[in-house]
């Protein structure tokens, strides 16, 4: 693997989709009871983001690009044995300043978030893809 991590088999089959977050850990574990990656899309994938010391599933929302939310992409509805891919999102790096926001008497700089995403096959732990996601060049205040 490009990141130097060597995934090992999990000691038990994945009982819940959240179990698959083990592929994002420092000592990654894969689950042989998940679906094989078929390389034809769309592939059932679960996305995990870092929250504190652990990884939590990302609940995808309906957007203009995805009018429907496939259940397999929703960690609360997906069955772990149907998942082919696990995407691990890094903590955001602070990108360039894209604006500022003033709240009462305090002003805060807005920076573009930059994330690295690594996608693994859930069944084998093999790295499938690595990409960088960058936030918007400008944005509004929350």
Protein backbone atom coordinates (compact mmCIF):
# COMPACT_ATOMS: atom_id res chain seq x y z
CA UNK A 1 0.00 0.00 0.00
CA UNK A 2 1.17 3.50 -0.75
CA UNK A 3 0.68 4.64 2.86
CA UNK A 4 2.77 1.81 4.30
CA UNK A 5 -0.11 0.31 6.28
CA UNK A 6 -0.65 -3.43 6.07
CA UNK A 7 -4.29 -4.40 6.51
CA UNK A 8 -5.07 -7.61 8.36
CA UNK A 9 -8.25 -9.69 8.50
CA UNK A 10 -10.74 -8.61 11.14
CA UNK A 11 -11.20 -11.19 13.90
CA UNK A 12 -15.01 -11.31 13.36
CA UNK A 13 -17.30 -10.63 10.39
CA UNK A 14 -18.69 -7.10 10.10
CA UNK A 15 -22.01 -7.02 11.96
CA UNK A 16 -22.79 -3.36 11.21
CA UNK A 17 -21.70 -0.94 8.53
CA UNK A 18 -19.85 1.15 11.11
CA UNK A 19 -17.53 -1.83 11.73
CA UNK A 20 -16.00 -1.15 8.31
CA UNK A 21 -14.36 2.00 9.71
CA UNK A 22 -11.60 -0.36 10.90
CA UNK A 23 -10.07 0.05 7.42
CA UNK A 24 -9.40 3.71 8.29
CA UNK A 25 -7.55 2.94 11.55
CA UNK A 26 -3.79 3.07 12.02
CA UNK A 27 -3.84 -0.74 12.16
CA UNK A 28 -6.40 -1.40 9.41
CA UNK A 29 -8.65 -4.46 9.35
CA UNK A 30 -10.62 -5.76 6.38
CA UNK A 31 -13.74 -7.90 6.35
CA UNK A 32 -13.92 -10.94 4.09
CA UNK A 33 -17.71 -11.12 4.53
CA UNK A 34 -18.19 -7.98 2.42
CA UNK A 35 -18.90 -7.89 -1.32
CA UNK A 36 -16.07 -8.20 -3.82
CA UNK A 37 -15.21 -5.01 -5.71
CA UNK A 38 -16.53 -5.47 -9.24
CA UNK A 39 -15.02 -2.34 -10.83
CA UNK A 40 -18.33 -1.53 -12.50
CA UNK A 41 -20.17 1.36 -10.95
CA UNK A 42 -21.79 2.65 -9.09
CA UNK A 43 -20.02 0.62 -6.43
CA UNK A 44 -21.57 0.29 -2.98
CA UNK A 45 -19.36 2.51 -0.81
CA UNK A 46 -19.38 3.80 2.74
CA UNK A 47 -17.50 7.00 3.58
CA UNK A 48 -15.90 7.60 6.98
CA UNK A 49 -14.59 10.88 8.40
CA UNK A 50 -12.40 11.44 11.45
CA UNK A 51 -14.23 12.66 14.55
CA UNK A 52 -11.87 12.89 17.49
CA UNK A 53 -9.77 9.71 17.71
CA UNK A 54 -12.34 7.58 15.79
CA UNK A 55 -13.90 7.45 12.34
CA UNK A 56 -17.63 7.92 11.89
CA UNK A 57 -19.83 7.28 8.86
CA UNK A 58 -20.76 10.19 6.63
CA UNK A 59 -24.46 10.45 5.88
CA UNK A 60 -24.69 11.62 2.29
CA UNK A 61 -27.37 14.19 1.54
CA UNK A 62 -29.36 14.64 -1.60
CA UNK A 63 -27.75 17.18 -3.91
CA UNK A 64 -28.38 18.48 -7.38
CA UNK A 65 -25.92 15.88 -8.69
CA UNK A 66 -27.49 12.95 -6.88
CA UNK A 67 -31.25 13.29 -7.03
CA UNK A 68 -31.69 10.00 -5.23
CA UNK A 69 -29.70 8.63 -2.33
CA UNK A 70 -29.05 4.95 -2.95
CA UNK A 71 -29.58 3.04 0.28
CA UNK A 72 -26.23 1.30 -0.15
CA UNK A 73 -24.56 4.72 0.23
CA UNK A 74 -26.37 5.36 3.52
CA UNK A 75 -24.54 3.75 6.44
CA UNK A 76 -27.71 3.50 8.51
CA UNK A 77 -29.44 1.45 5.77
CA UNK A 78 -26.60 -0.43 4.06
CA UNK A 79 -25.83 -4.01 5.03
CA UNK A 80 -22.07 -4.48 5.58
CA UNK A 81 -22.00 -7.61 3.40
CA UNK A 82 -23.20 -5.53 0.41
CA UNK A 83 -20.46 -2.89 0.70
CA UNK A 84 -17.60 -3.10 -1.82
CA UNK A 85 -15.59 0.01 -0.97
CA UNK A 86 -14.63 2.03 2.09
CA UNK A 87 -13.53 5.65 1.69
CA UNK A 88 -11.46 7.20 4.47
CA UNK A 89 -11.43 11.01 4.59
CA UNK A 90 -8.52 12.77 6.28
CA UNK A 91 -8.84 15.61 8.74
CA UNK A 92 -8.98 18.86 6.75
CA UNK A 93 -5.82 20.78 6.01
CA UNK A 94 -6.21 24.51 6.21
CA UNK A 95 -6.00 25.76 2.64
CA UNK A 96 -5.69 29.31 1.42
CA UNK A 97 -7.82 32.08 2.87
CA UNK A 98 -11.02 32.54 0.85
CA UNK A 99 -12.85 35.12 2.96
CA UNK A 100 -13.77 36.16 6.46
CA UNK A 101 -16.87 36.30 8.62
CA UNK A 102 -17.80 38.70 11.38
CA UNK A 103 -19.94 37.54 14.29
CA UNK A 104 -20.83 40.25 16.81
CA UNK A 105 -17.39 41.69 17.59
CA UNK A 106 -15.17 38.85 16.34
CA UNK A 107 -13.94 38.28 12.79
CA UNK A 108 -12.80 34.86 11.63
CA UNK A 109 -10.91 33.93 8.50
CA UNK A 110 -12.43 31.34 6.19
CA UNK A 111 -9.98 28.88 4.65
CA UNK A 112 -10.59 26.37 1.90
CA UNK A 113 -10.67 22.87 3.36
CA UNK A 114 -8.41 20.34 1.67
CA UNK A 115 -9.00 16.65 2.25
CA UNK A 116 -7.27 13.47 1.18
CA UNK A 117 -9.54 10.53 0.47
CA UNK A 118 -8.27 6.99 0.24
CA UNK A 119 -10.59 4.28 -1.06
CA UNK A 120 -10.08 0.64 -0.08
CA UNK A 121 -11.73 -2.59 -1.10
CA UNK A 122 -13.68 -3.65 1.99
CA UNK A 123 -13.09 -7.38 1.38
CA UNK A 124 -9.28 -7.28 0.98
CA UNK A 125 -8.14 -3.92 2.36
CA UNK A 126 -6.34 -3.15 -0.92
CA UNK A 127 -6.07 0.50 -1.89
CA UNK A 128 -8.25 1.24 -4.92
CA UNK A 129 -7.84 5.00 -5.29
CA UNK A 130 -6.43 8.09 -3.66
CA UNK A 131 -7.62 11.61 -4.37
CA UNK A 132 -7.61 15.14 -3.04
CA UNK A 133 -10.82 17.05 -2.49
CA UNK A 134 -10.68 20.82 -2.24
CA UNK A 135 -13.40 23.10 -0.93
CA UNK A 136 -14.84 26.11 -2.69
CA UNK A 137 -12.73 29.11 -3.67
CA UNK A 138 -15.21 31.42 -2.01
CA UNK A 139 -17.91 30.88 0.47
CA UNK A 140 -20.44 32.47 2.66
CA UNK A 141 -20.55 32.76 6.39
CA UNK A 142 -22.48 30.09 8.25
